[in-house]
């Protein structure tokens, strides 16, 4: 499931952006 890992990467990047 490549799309799943890509989705997780996008979600974690947004979370990191919000955490800042």
N, C-alpha and C. Protein backbone atom coordinates (compact mmCIF):
# COMPACT_ATOMS: atom_id res chain seq x y z
N UNK A 1 0.85 -1.20 0.00
CA UNK A 1 0.00 0.00 0.00
C UNK A 1 0.88 1.25 0.00
N UNK A 2 1.27 1.66 -1.18
CA UNK A 2 2.14 2.84 -1.29
C UNK A 2 1.37 4.11 -0.94
N UNK A 3 0.09 4.16 -1.36
CA UNK A 3 -0.71 5.35 -1.09
C UNK A 3 -0.89 5.57 0.40
N UNK A 4 -0.91 4.46 1.16
CA UNK A 4 -1.11 4.57 2.60
C UNK A 4 0.10 5.23 3.26
N UNK A 5 1.29 4.81 2.86
CA UNK A 5 2.51 5.39 3.44
C UNK A 5 2.62 6.86 3.02
N UNK A 6 2.19 7.16 1.80
CA UNK A 6 2.24 8.55 1.33
C UNK A 6 1.27 9.40 2.14
N UNK A 7 0.09 8.84 2.41
CA UNK A 7 -0.91 9.57 3.19
C UNK A 7 -0.39 9.81 4.60
N UNK A 8 0.25 8.80 5.18
CA UNK A 8 0.80 8.94 6.54
C UNK A 8 1.88 10.01 6.54
N UNK A 9 2.67 10.07 5.49
CA UNK A 9 3.74 11.08 5.41
C UNK A 9 3.14 12.48 5.36
N UNK A 10 2.07 12.64 4.59
CA UNK A 10 1.42 13.95 4.49
C UNK A 10 0.82 14.35 5.83
N UNK A 11 0.16 13.39 6.50
CA UNK A 11 -0.47 13.67 7.79
C UNK A 11 0.58 14.06 8.82
N UNK A 12 1.70 13.30 8.88
CA UNK A 12 2.72 13.63 9.88
C UNK A 12 3.34 14.98 9.59
N UNK A 13 3.46 15.34 8.32
CA UNK A 13 4.05 16.64 7.99
C UNK A 13 3.13 17.77 8.45
N UNK A 14 1.82 17.58 8.28
CA UNK A 14 0.86 18.59 8.73
C UNK A 14 0.88 18.70 10.25
N UNK A 15 0.99 17.55 10.93
CA UNK A 15 1.02 17.55 12.39
C UNK A 15 2.25 18.30 12.89
N UNK A 16 3.39 18.05 12.23
CA UNK A 16 4.62 18.74 12.63
C UNK A 16 4.48 20.24 12.40
N UNK A 17 3.84 20.62 11.29
CA UNK A 17 3.65 22.04 10.99
C UNK A 17 2.77 22.69 12.05
N UNK A 18 1.73 21.97 12.49
CA UNK A 18 0.83 22.51 13.51
C UNK A 18 1.54 22.57 14.87
N UNK A 19 2.41 21.59 15.13
CA UNK A 19 3.10 21.53 16.41
C UNK A 19 4.05 22.72 16.56
N UNK A 20 4.55 23.22 15.43
CA UNK A 20 5.47 24.36 15.50
C UNK A 20 4.68 25.60 15.88
